[in-house]
Structure formats: C-alpha cells, structure tokens
N, C-alpha and C. Protein backbone atom coordinates (compact mmCIF):
# COMPACT_ATOMS: atom_id res chain seq x y z
N UNK A 1 61.72 -154.85 218.04
CA UNK A 1 63.05 -154.93 218.61
C UNK A 1 63.66 -153.53 218.62
N UNK A 2 64.21 -153.15 219.75
CA UNK A 2 64.89 -151.87 219.85
C UNK A 2 66.29 -151.99 219.27
N UNK A 3 66.75 -150.90 218.69
CA UNK A 3 68.09 -150.87 218.10
C UNK A 3 68.90 -149.76 218.78
N UNK A 4 70.13 -150.08 219.12
CA UNK A 4 71.01 -149.13 219.78
C UNK A 4 72.33 -149.07 219.03
N UNK A 5 72.89 -147.89 218.97
CA UNK A 5 74.23 -147.71 218.42
C UNK A 5 75.10 -147.19 219.56
N UNK A 6 76.18 -147.92 219.86
CA UNK A 6 77.08 -147.52 220.93
C UNK A 6 78.47 -147.34 220.33
N UNK A 7 79.31 -146.60 221.03
CA UNK A 7 80.68 -146.45 220.55
C UNK A 7 81.58 -147.46 221.25
N UNK A 8 82.76 -147.61 220.73
CA UNK A 8 83.69 -148.60 221.27
C UNK A 8 84.07 -148.32 222.72
N UNK A 9 84.05 -147.05 223.12
CA UNK A 9 84.37 -146.72 224.51
C UNK A 9 83.39 -147.37 225.48
N UNK A 10 82.11 -147.37 225.12
CA UNK A 10 81.11 -148.00 225.97
C UNK A 10 81.34 -149.51 226.04
N UNK A 11 81.67 -150.11 224.92
CA UNK A 11 81.94 -151.55 224.89
C UNK A 11 83.16 -151.89 225.74
N UNK A 12 84.23 -151.13 225.58
CA UNK A 12 85.45 -151.38 226.37
C UNK A 12 85.19 -151.20 227.85
N UNK A 13 84.47 -150.15 228.22
CA UNK A 13 84.14 -149.93 229.63
C UNK A 13 83.33 -151.09 230.20
N UNK A 14 82.44 -151.64 229.39
CA UNK A 14 81.61 -152.74 229.87
C UNK A 14 82.43 -153.99 230.16
N UNK A 15 83.35 -154.32 229.28
CA UNK A 15 84.08 -155.58 229.45
C UNK A 15 85.33 -155.48 230.31
N UNK A 16 85.80 -154.26 230.59
CA UNK A 16 87.05 -154.12 231.35
C UNK A 16 86.90 -153.42 232.69
N UNK A 17 85.74 -152.96 233.05
CA UNK A 17 85.53 -152.19 234.29
C UNK A 17 86.31 -150.89 234.28
N UNK A 18 86.60 -150.36 233.11
CA UNK A 18 87.36 -149.11 232.99
C UNK A 18 86.59 -147.92 233.54
N UNK A 19 85.28 -147.88 233.26
CA UNK A 19 84.45 -146.76 233.69
C UNK A 19 83.17 -147.34 234.29
N UNK A 20 83.13 -147.50 235.62
CA UNK A 20 81.96 -148.12 236.26
C UNK A 20 80.63 -147.41 235.98
N UNK A 21 80.64 -146.09 235.87
CA UNK A 21 79.40 -145.37 235.58
C UNK A 21 78.88 -145.73 234.19
N UNK A 22 79.77 -145.73 233.22
CA UNK A 22 79.38 -146.09 231.86
C UNK A 22 78.96 -147.56 231.79
N UNK A 23 79.66 -148.40 232.51
CA UNK A 23 79.35 -149.83 232.55
C UNK A 23 77.94 -150.05 233.09
N UNK A 24 77.58 -149.34 234.12
CA UNK A 24 76.26 -149.48 234.74
C UNK A 24 75.16 -149.02 233.76
N UNK A 25 75.43 -148.00 232.98
CA UNK A 25 74.43 -147.50 232.03
C UNK A 25 74.24 -148.44 230.85
N UNK A 26 75.31 -149.09 230.42
CA UNK A 26 75.24 -149.93 229.22
C UNK A 26 74.79 -151.36 229.51
N UNK A 27 74.93 -151.80 230.74
CA UNK A 27 74.59 -153.19 231.10
C UNK A 27 73.17 -153.59 230.72
N UNK A 28 72.17 -152.75 230.96
CA UNK A 28 70.81 -153.16 230.56
C UNK A 28 70.66 -153.38 229.05
N UNK A 29 71.42 -152.64 228.26
CA UNK A 29 71.35 -152.85 226.80
C UNK A 29 71.87 -154.22 226.42
N UNK A 30 72.98 -154.62 227.04
CA UNK A 30 73.53 -155.94 226.75
C UNK A 30 72.61 -157.05 227.27
N UNK A 31 71.96 -156.82 228.39
CA UNK A 31 71.01 -157.81 228.91
C UNK A 31 69.84 -157.97 227.94
N UNK A 32 69.35 -156.86 227.40
CA UNK A 32 68.25 -156.93 226.42
C UNK A 32 68.69 -157.65 225.15
N UNK A 33 69.91 -157.36 224.71
CA UNK A 33 70.42 -158.02 223.50
C UNK A 33 70.60 -159.52 223.74
N UNK A 34 71.02 -159.90 224.92
CA UNK A 34 71.18 -161.32 225.23
C UNK A 34 69.85 -162.05 225.20
N UNK A 35 68.77 -161.34 225.46
CA UNK A 35 67.43 -161.93 225.43
C UNK A 35 66.76 -161.73 224.06
N UNK A 36 67.55 -161.25 223.08
CA UNK A 36 67.08 -161.00 221.72
C UNK A 36 65.95 -159.98 221.66
N UNK A 37 65.99 -159.03 222.59
CA UNK A 37 64.99 -157.95 222.61
C UNK A 37 65.59 -156.65 222.10
N UNK A 38 66.87 -156.64 221.80
CA UNK A 38 67.54 -155.44 221.30
C UNK A 38 68.67 -155.84 220.36
N UNK A 39 69.00 -154.91 219.48
CA UNK A 39 70.12 -155.08 218.56
C UNK A 39 71.11 -153.97 218.87
N UNK A 40 72.35 -154.33 219.10
CA UNK A 40 73.40 -153.34 219.40
C UNK A 40 74.39 -153.32 218.25
N UNK A 41 74.60 -152.14 217.72
CA UNK A 41 75.63 -151.92 216.70
C UNK A 41 76.73 -151.09 217.36
N UNK A 42 77.97 -151.42 217.03
CA UNK A 42 79.12 -150.73 217.62
C UNK A 42 79.80 -149.90 216.54
N UNK A 43 80.04 -148.63 216.86
CA UNK A 43 80.80 -147.78 215.94
C UNK A 43 82.11 -147.39 216.60
N UNK A 44 83.10 -147.16 215.78
CA UNK A 44 84.40 -146.75 216.30
C UNK A 44 84.48 -145.24 216.29
N UNK A 45 84.78 -144.67 217.44
CA UNK A 45 84.95 -143.23 217.55
C UNK A 45 86.43 -142.91 217.47
N UNK A 46 86.78 -141.91 216.74
CA UNK A 46 88.20 -141.53 216.59
C UNK A 46 88.67 -140.73 217.78
C-alpha cells in the first residue's frame, strides 16, 4: 500500500474547487485511497 502525506490546502482544494490545478493532481490519490490501495495522512500547514 502506498502512503501519502498531504497538507490541508490540498484537501480543501479537492473538496471546494478552490484550486482546480491542485484538485486535478490530488484526485488520483483519493481514488486510490477509496479503493484501499493508498493511505492518505493530512497535516496542517501554518
């Protein structure tokens, strides 16, 4: 299983359409996690 660490900005962009470029890059990670092929950890960036 692949493991990814993303920051909260990527998560917010994914769910709110705030940054379409970032959303497009992160979408495959969420698709992999939904299929239990990846683990995503979220960190808060100051």
